[in-house]
Protein backbone atom coordinates (compact mmCIF):
# COMPACT_ATOMS: atom_id res chain seq x y z
CA UNK A 1 0.00 0.00 0.00
CA UNK A 2 1.26 3.45 -0.89
CA UNK A 3 1.68 6.14 1.72
CA UNK A 4 2.20 9.90 1.64
CA UNK A 5 5.72 10.75 0.53
CA UNK A 6 6.10 7.68 -1.71
CA UNK A 7 6.90 8.26 -5.37
CA UNK A 8 3.66 7.59 -7.26
CA UNK A 9 4.16 4.70 -9.70
CA UNK A 10 4.25 5.90 -13.28
CA UNK A 11 1.88 4.27 -15.73
CA UNK A 12 0.94 4.25 -19.37
CA UNK A 13 -2.69 3.43 -20.16
CA UNK A 14 -5.33 4.40 -22.71
CA UNK A 15 -8.51 6.26 -21.86
CA UNK A 16 -12.05 5.79 -23.13
CA UNK A 17 -11.26 7.78 -26.30
CA UNK A 18 -8.11 5.82 -27.15
CA UNK A 19 -5.69 8.52 -25.96
CA UNK A 20 -2.63 7.29 -24.07
CA UNK A 21 -1.92 8.83 -20.66
CA UNK A 22 1.19 8.60 -18.50
CA UNK A 23 1.36 9.91 -14.97
CA UNK A 24 4.63 11.68 -15.78
CA UNK A 25 2.89 13.90 -18.37
CA UNK A 26 1.00 15.53 -15.49
CA UNK A 27 4.14 16.53 -13.57
CA UNK A 28 3.67 20.06 -12.23
CA UNK A 29 -0.03 19.49 -11.54
CA UNK A 30 -1.86 17.73 -8.76
CA UNK A 31 -3.55 14.55 -9.97
CA UNK A 32 -6.58 12.91 -8.41
CA UNK A 33 -6.73 9.20 -9.24
CA UNK A 34 -10.08 7.64 -8.42
CA UNK A 35 -10.31 3.92 -8.92
CA UNK A 36 -13.86 2.66 -9.32
CA UNK A 37 -15.24 -0.88 -9.52
CA UNK A 38 -17.58 -0.81 -12.51
CA UNK A 39 -18.79 1.75 -15.05
CA UNK A 40 -22.42 2.83 -14.83
CA UNK A 41 -23.17 1.40 -11.39
CA UNK A 42 -24.74 3.56 -8.65
CA UNK A 43 -21.66 4.31 -6.52
CA UNK A 44 -19.38 4.85 -9.48
CA UNK A 45 -21.93 7.13 -11.10
CA UNK A 46 -22.28 9.20 -7.92
CA UNK A 47 -18.51 9.54 -7.60
CA UNK A 48 -18.02 10.40 -11.28
CA UNK A 49 -20.81 12.98 -11.22
CA UNK A 50 -19.26 14.54 -8.11
CA UNK A 51 -15.94 14.95 -9.90
CA UNK A 52 -17.70 16.24 -13.02
CA UNK A 53 -19.60 18.86 -11.02
CA UNK A 54 -16.48 20.02 -9.12
CA UNK A 55 -14.14 20.05 -12.13
CA UNK A 56 -14.06 23.87 -12.47
CA UNK A 57 -12.86 24.11 -8.85
CA UNK A 58 -10.20 21.48 -9.50
CA UNK A 59 -9.05 23.42 -12.57
CA UNK A 60 -8.69 26.57 -10.46
CA UNK A 61 -6.21 24.61 -8.35
CA UNK A 62 -4.33 23.17 -11.38
CA UNK A 63 -5.54 19.69 -10.53
CA UNK A 64 -6.36 16.93 -13.00
CA UNK A 65 -8.97 14.20 -12.46
CA UNK A 66 -8.36 10.69 -13.79
CA UNK A 67 -10.92 7.93 -13.26
CA UNK A 68 -9.54 4.39 -13.50
CA UNK A 69 -11.35 1.07 -13.80
CA UNK A 70 -10.80 -2.33 -15.38
CA UNK A 71 -13.62 -1.67 -17.85
CA UNK A 72 -13.08 -1.72 -21.60
CA UNK A 73 -12.83 1.47 -23.64
CA UNK A 74 -16.34 0.81 -24.97
CA UNK A 75 -17.81 0.47 -21.48
CA UNK A 76 -16.05 3.59 -20.20
CA UNK A 77 -16.94 5.57 -23.34
CA UNK A 78 -20.64 4.79 -22.87
CA UNK A 79 -20.34 5.70 -19.16
CA UNK A 80 -18.59 9.02 -19.93
CA UNK A 81 -21.09 9.96 -22.63
CA UNK A 82 -24.15 9.00 -20.57
CA UNK A 83 -23.13 11.27 -17.69
CA UNK A 84 -21.18 13.98 -19.54
CA UNK A 85 -17.88 13.30 -17.79
CA UNK A 86 -15.37 16.02 -18.57
CA UNK A 87 -12.22 14.07 -17.65
CA UNK A 88 -10.51 10.89 -18.87
CA UNK A 89 -11.62 7.43 -17.77
CA UNK A 90 -8.57 5.20 -17.95
CA UNK A 91 -9.09 1.60 -19.05
CA UNK A 92 -6.72 -0.52 -16.95
CA UNK A 93 -7.80 -3.80 -18.53
CA UNK A 94 -4.43 -5.42 -17.66
CA UNK A 95 -4.77 -4.33 -13.99
CA UNK A 96 -1.18 -3.03 -13.92
CA UNK A 97 -2.14 0.40 -12.55
CA UNK A 98 -4.58 -1.18 -10.11
CA UNK A 99 -1.90 -3.51 -8.75
CA UNK A 100 0.68 -0.69 -8.49
CA UNK A 101 -1.77 1.49 -6.55
CA UNK A 102 -3.33 -1.19 -4.34
CA UNK A 103 -6.72 -1.19 -6.07
CA UNK A 104 -6.45 -4.95 -6.63
CA UNK A 105 -4.27 -7.83 -5.55
CA UNK A 106 -3.73 -9.63 -8.85
CA UNK A 107 -4.37 -9.48 -12.59
CA UNK A 108 -7.45 -11.70 -12.25
CA UNK A 109 -9.39 -9.27 -10.04
CA UNK A 110 -12.81 -8.69 -11.62
CA UNK A 111 -13.09 -5.10 -10.38
CA UNK A 112 -10.97 -2.38 -8.85
CA UNK A 113 -11.42 -1.43 -5.21
CA UNK A 114 -12.71 2.09 -4.60
CA UNK A 115 -9.31 3.67 -3.88
CA UNK A 116 -8.45 7.37 -3.98
CA UNK A 117 -4.98 8.82 -4.48
CA UNK A 118 -3.82 12.42 -4.59
CA UNK A 119 -0.49 12.84 -6.35
CA UNK A 120 1.31 16.12 -5.85
CA UNK A 121 2.92 18.21 -8.61
CA UNK A 122 6.28 16.66 -7.64
CA UNK A 123 5.04 13.13 -8.39
CA UNK A 124 4.86 12.13 -4.74
CA UNK A 125 1.77 10.65 -3.12
CA UNK A 126 0.15 13.44 -1.13
CA UNK A 127 -2.72 11.32 0.22
CA UNK A 128 -3.80 7.68 -0.13
CA UNK A 129 -7.26 6.38 0.70
CA UNK A 130 -7.63 2.58 0.60
CA UNK A 131 -11.42 2.85 0.78
CA UNK A 132 -13.39 5.98 -0.07
CA UNK A 133 -17.01 7.00 0.22
CA UNK A 134 -18.13 7.38 -3.41
CA UNK A 135 -20.44 10.30 -2.68
CA UNK A 136 -18.04 12.19 -0.38
CA UNK A 137 -14.63 11.66 -2.01
CA UNK A 138 -14.91 14.26 -4.82
CA UNK A 139 -15.47 17.06 -2.26
CA UNK A 140 -13.00 15.56 0.23
CA UNK A 141 -10.23 15.40 -2.38
CA UNK A 142 -10.99 18.96 -3.52
CA UNK A 143 -10.54 20.23 0.04
CA UNK A 144 -7.08 18.60 0.16
CA UNK A 145 -5.77 19.89 -3.17
C-alpha atoms as a PDB file:
ATOM      1  CA  UNK A   1       0.000   0.000   0.000  1.00  0.00           C
ATOM      2  CA  UNK A   2       1.259   3.449  -0.887  1.00  0.00           C
ATOM      3  CA  UNK A   3       1.681   6.135   1.722  1.00  0.00           C
ATOM      4  CA  UNK A   4       2.204   9.902   1.642  1.00  0.00           C
ATOM      5  CA  UNK A   5       5.716  10.747   0.528  1.00  0.00           C
ATOM      6  CA  UNK A   6       6.095   7.682  -1.713  1.00  0.00           C
ATOM      7  CA  UNK A   7       6.898   8.257  -5.375  1.00  0.00           C
ATOM      8  CA  UNK A   8       3.661   7.589  -7.262  1.00  0.00           C
ATOM      9  CA  UNK A   9       4.155   4.700  -9.697  1.00  0.00           C
ATOM     10  CA  UNK A  10       4.254   5.898 -13.283  1.00  0.00           C
ATOM     11  CA  UNK A  11       1.885   4.267 -15.726  1.00  0.00           C
ATOM     12  CA  UNK A  12       0.938   4.251 -19.373  1.00  0.00           C
ATOM     13  CA  UNK A  13      -2.687   3.429 -20.163  1.00  0.00           C
ATOM     14  CA  UNK A  14      -5.331   4.399 -22.711  1.00  0.00           C
ATOM     15  CA  UNK A  15      -8.511   6.258 -21.860  1.00  0.00           C
ATOM     16  CA  UNK A  16     -12.046   5.792 -23.133  1.00  0.00           C
ATOM     17  CA  UNK A  17     -11.259   7.780 -26.298  1.00  0.00           C
ATOM     18  CA  UNK A  18      -8.106   5.825 -27.150  1.00  0.00           C
ATOM     19  CA  UNK A  19      -5.689   8.524 -25.962  1.00  0.00           C
ATOM     20  CA  UNK A  20      -2.633   7.290 -24.071  1.00  0.00           C
ATOM     21  CA  UNK A  21      -1.925   8.826 -20.657  1.00  0.00           C
ATOM     22  CA  UNK A  22       1.189   8.597 -18.504  1.00  0.00           C
ATOM     23  CA  UNK A  23       1.359   9.913 -14.972  1.00  0.00           C
ATOM     24  CA  UNK A  24       4.633  11.679 -15.784  1.00  0.00           C
ATOM     25  CA  UNK A  25       2.893  13.903 -18.367  1.00  0.00           C
ATOM     26  CA  UNK A  26       0.997  15.534 -15.485  1.00  0.00           C
ATOM     27  CA  UNK A  27       4.138  16.527 -13.575  1.00  0.00           C
ATOM     28  CA  UNK A  28       3.674  20.055 -12.233  1.00  0.00           C
ATOM     29  CA  UNK A  29      -0.028  19.489 -11.539  1.00  0.00           C
ATOM     30  CA  UNK A  30      -1.864  17.733  -8.762  1.00  0.00           C
ATOM     31  CA  UNK A  31      -3.554  14.546  -9.970  1.00  0.00           C
ATOM     32  CA  UNK A  32      -6.584  12.907  -8.407  1.00  0.00           C
ATOM     33  CA  UNK A  33      -6.733   9.199  -9.243  1.00  0.00           C
ATOM     34  CA  UNK A  34     -10.080   7.642  -8.423  1.00  0.00           C
ATOM     35  CA  UNK A  35     -10.310   3.917  -8.917  1.00  0.00           C
ATOM     36  CA  UNK A  36     -13.858   2.655  -9.324  1.00  0.00           C
ATOM     37  CA  UNK A  37     -15.236  -0.883  -9.516  1.00  0.00           C
ATOM     38  CA  UNK A  38     -17.579  -0.808 -12.514  1.00  0.00           C
ATOM     39  CA  UNK A  39     -18.787   1.749 -15.054  1.00  0.00           C
ATOM     40  CA  UNK A  40     -22.416   2.830 -14.830  1.00  0.00           C
ATOM     41  CA  UNK A  41     -23.167   1.401 -11.389  1.00  0.00           C
ATOM     42  CA  UNK A  42     -24.743   3.565  -8.652  1.00  0.00           C
ATOM     43  CA  UNK A  43     -21.660   4.307  -6.518  1.00  0.00           C
ATOM     44  CA  UNK A  44     -19.376   4.854  -9.483  1.00  0.00           C
ATOM     45  CA  UNK A  45     -21.934   7.128 -11.104  1.00  0.00           C
ATOM     46  CA  UNK A  46     -22.282   9.202  -7.924  1.00  0.00           C
ATOM     47  CA  UNK A  47     -18.514   9.541  -7.603  1.00  0.00           C
ATOM     48  CA  UNK A  48     -18.020  10.395 -11.280  1.00  0.00           C
ATOM     49  CA  UNK A  49     -20.809  12.978 -11.217  1.00  0.00           C
ATOM     50  CA  UNK A  50     -19.257  14.537  -8.114  1.00  0.00           C
ATOM     51  CA  UNK A  51     -15.939  14.945  -9.895  1.00  0.00           C
ATOM     52  CA  UNK A  52     -17.701  16.245 -13.019  1.00  0.00           C
ATOM     53  CA  UNK A  53     -19.600  18.860 -11.017  1.00  0.00           C
ATOM     54  CA  UNK A  54     -16.477  20.018  -9.119  1.00  0.00           C
ATOM     55  CA  UNK A  55     -14.142  20.053 -12.134  1.00  0.00           C
ATOM     56  CA  UNK A  56     -14.057  23.870 -12.474  1.00  0.00           C
ATOM     57  CA  UNK A  57     -12.864  24.112  -8.850  1.00  0.00           C
ATOM     58  CA  UNK A  58     -10.198  21.477  -9.503  1.00  0.00           C
ATOM     59  CA  UNK A  59      -9.055  23.421 -12.570  1.00  0.00           C
ATOM     60  CA  UNK A  60      -8.692  26.575 -10.463  1.00  0.00           C
ATOM     61  CA  UNK A  61      -6.209  24.606  -8.346  1.00  0.00           C
ATOM     62  CA  UNK A  62      -4.328  23.166 -11.376  1.00  0.00           C
ATOM     63  CA  UNK A  63      -5.539  19.687 -10.528  1.00  0.00           C
ATOM     64  CA  UNK A  64      -6.362  16.926 -12.999  1.00  0.00           C
ATOM     65  CA  UNK A  65      -8.971  14.204 -12.459  1.00  0.00           C
ATOM     66  CA  UNK A  66      -8.359  10.691 -13.785  1.00  0.00           C
ATOM     67  CA  UNK A  67     -10.917   7.931 -13.265  1.00  0.00           C
ATOM     68  CA  UNK A  68      -9.537   4.391 -13.499  1.00  0.00           C
ATOM     69  CA  UNK A  69     -11.346   1.066 -13.800  1.00  0.00           C
ATOM     70  CA  UNK A  70     -10.801  -2.329 -15.377  1.00  0.00           C
ATOM     71  CA  UNK A  71     -13.619  -1.667 -17.845  1.00  0.00           C
ATOM     72  CA  UNK A  72     -13.084  -1.717 -21.598  1.00  0.00           C
ATOM     73  CA  UNK A  73     -12.829   1.467 -23.636  1.00  0.00           C
ATOM     74  CA  UNK A  74     -16.340   0.808 -24.973  1.00  0.00           C
ATOM     75  CA  UNK A  75     -17.813   0.470 -21.476  1.00  0.00           C
ATOM     76  CA  UNK A  76     -16.048   3.586 -20.202  1.00  0.00           C
ATOM     77  CA  UNK A  77     -16.942   5.566 -23.335  1.00  0.00           C
ATOM     78  CA  UNK A  78     -20.638   4.787 -22.868  1.00  0.00           C
ATOM     79  CA  UNK A  79     -20.343   5.701 -19.161  1.00  0.00           C
ATOM     80  CA  UNK A  80     -18.592   9.016 -19.925  1.00  0.00           C
ATOM     81  CA  UNK A  81     -21.088   9.959 -22.627  1.00  0.00           C
ATOM     82  CA  UNK A  82     -24.145   9.000 -20.568  1.00  0.00           C
ATOM     83  CA  UNK A  83     -23.133  11.272 -17.692  1.00  0.00           C
ATOM     84  CA  UNK A  84     -21.180  13.977 -19.539  1.00  0.00           C
ATOM     85  CA  UNK A  85     -17.882  13.300 -17.792  1.00  0.00           C
ATOM     86  CA  UNK A  86     -15.365  16.020 -18.568  1.00  0.00           C
ATOM     87  CA  UNK A  87     -12.219  14.074 -17.652  1.00  0.00           C
ATOM     88  CA  UNK A  88     -10.511  10.892 -18.867  1.00  0.00           C
ATOM     89  CA  UNK A  89     -11.624   7.430 -17.768  1.00  0.00           C
ATOM     90  CA  UNK A  90      -8.568   5.200 -17.949  1.00  0.00           C
ATOM     91  CA  UNK A  91      -9.086   1.600 -19.053  1.00  0.00           C
ATOM     92  CA  UNK A  92      -6.722  -0.518 -16.950  1.00  0.00           C
ATOM     93  CA  UNK A  93      -7.797  -3.795 -18.531  1.00  0.00           C
ATOM     94  CA  UNK A  94      -4.429  -5.420 -17.662  1.00  0.00           C
ATOM     95  CA  UNK A  95      -4.770  -4.327 -13.986  1.00  0.00           C
ATOM     96  CA  UNK A  96      -1.178  -3.029 -13.916  1.00  0.00           C
ATOM     97  CA  UNK A  97      -2.136   0.395 -12.552  1.00  0.00           C
ATOM     98  CA  UNK A  98      -4.583  -1.184 -10.106  1.00  0.00           C
ATOM     99  CA  UNK A  99      -1.896  -3.509  -8.752  1.00  0.00           C
ATOM    100  CA  UNK A 100       0.682  -0.689  -8.490  1.00  0.00           C
ATOM    101  CA  UNK A 101      -1.770   1.489  -6.545  1.00  0.00           C
ATOM    102  CA  UNK A 102      -3.325  -1.193  -4.342  1.00  0.00           C
ATOM    103  CA  UNK A 103      -6.723  -1.187  -6.072  1.00  0.00           C
ATOM    104  CA  UNK A 104      -6.450  -4.955  -6.632  1.00  0.00           C
ATOM    105  CA  UNK A 105      -4.270  -7.834  -5.550  1.00  0.00           C
ATOM    106  CA  UNK A 106      -3.729  -9.634  -8.851  1.00  0.00           C
ATOM    107  CA  UNK A 107      -4.370  -9.482 -12.592  1.00  0.00           C
ATOM    108  CA  UNK A 108      -7.455 -11.698 -12.249  1.00  0.00           C
ATOM    109  CA  UNK A 109      -9.387  -9.270 -10.040  1.00  0.00           C
ATOM    110  CA  UNK A 110     -12.807  -8.695 -11.618  1.00  0.00           C
ATOM    111  CA  UNK A 111     -13.089  -5.103 -10.377  1.00  0.00           C
ATOM    112  CA  UNK A 112     -10.972  -2.376  -8.846  1.00  0.00           C
ATOM    113  CA  UNK A 113     -11.415  -1.434  -5.210  1.00  0.00           C
ATOM    114  CA  UNK A 114     -12.713   2.087  -4.595  1.00  0.00           C
ATOM    115  CA  UNK A 115      -9.314   3.674  -3.880  1.00  0.00           C
ATOM    116  CA  UNK A 116      -8.450   7.371  -3.985  1.00  0.00           C
ATOM    117  CA  UNK A 117      -4.979   8.825  -4.483  1.00  0.00           C
ATOM    118  CA  UNK A 118      -3.824  12.423  -4.587  1.00  0.00           C
ATOM    119  CA  UNK A 119      -0.491  12.837  -6.352  1.00  0.00           C
ATOM    120  CA  UNK A 120       1.309  16.121  -5.848  1.00  0.00           C
ATOM    121  CA  UNK A 121       2.925  18.209  -8.608  1.00  0.00           C
ATOM    122  CA  UNK A 122       6.280  16.656  -7.643  1.00  0.00           C
ATOM    123  CA  UNK A 123       5.042  13.132  -8.394  1.00  0.00           C
ATOM    124  CA  UNK A 124       4.855  12.134  -4.740  1.00  0.00           C
ATOM    125  CA  UNK A 125       1.774  10.652  -3.122  1.00  0.00           C
ATOM    126  CA  UNK A 126       0.154  13.436  -1.127  1.00  0.00           C
ATOM    127  CA  UNK A 127      -2.720  11.315   0.225  1.00  0.00           C
ATOM    128  CA  UNK A 128      -3.799   7.683  -0.131  1.00  0.00           C
ATOM    129  CA  UNK A 129      -7.259   6.378   0.704  1.00  0.00           C
ATOM    130  CA  UNK A 130      -7.629   2.584   0.598  1.00  0.00           C
ATOM    131  CA  UNK A 131     -11.422   2.854   0.780  1.00  0.00           C
ATOM    132  CA  UNK A 132     -13.389   5.976  -0.070  1.00  0.00           C
ATOM    133  CA  UNK A 133     -17.011   6.998   0.217  1.00  0.00           C
ATOM    134  CA  UNK A 134     -18.128   7.378  -3.410  1.00  0.00           C
ATOM    135  CA  UNK A 135     -20.435  10.299  -2.683  1.00  0.00           C
ATOM    136  CA  UNK A 136     -18.044  12.188  -0.382  1.00  0.00           C
ATOM    137  CA  UNK A 137     -14.635  11.662  -2.013  1.00  0.00           C
ATOM    138  CA  UNK A 138     -14.913  14.258  -4.824  1.00  0.00           C
ATOM    139  CA  UNK A 139     -15.470  17.059  -2.261  1.00  0.00           C
ATOM    140  CA  UNK A 140     -12.998  15.561   0.228  1.00  0.00           C
ATOM    141  CA  UNK A 141     -10.234  15.399  -2.381  1.00  0.00           C
ATOM    142  CA  UNK A 142     -10.987  18.959  -3.519  1.00  0.00           C
ATOM    143  CA  UNK A 143     -10.538  20.234   0.037  1.00  0.00           C
ATOM    144  CA  UNK A 144      -7.085  18.603   0.164  1.00  0.00           C
ATOM    145  CA  UNK A 145      -5.769  19.888  -3.166  1.00  0.00           C
END
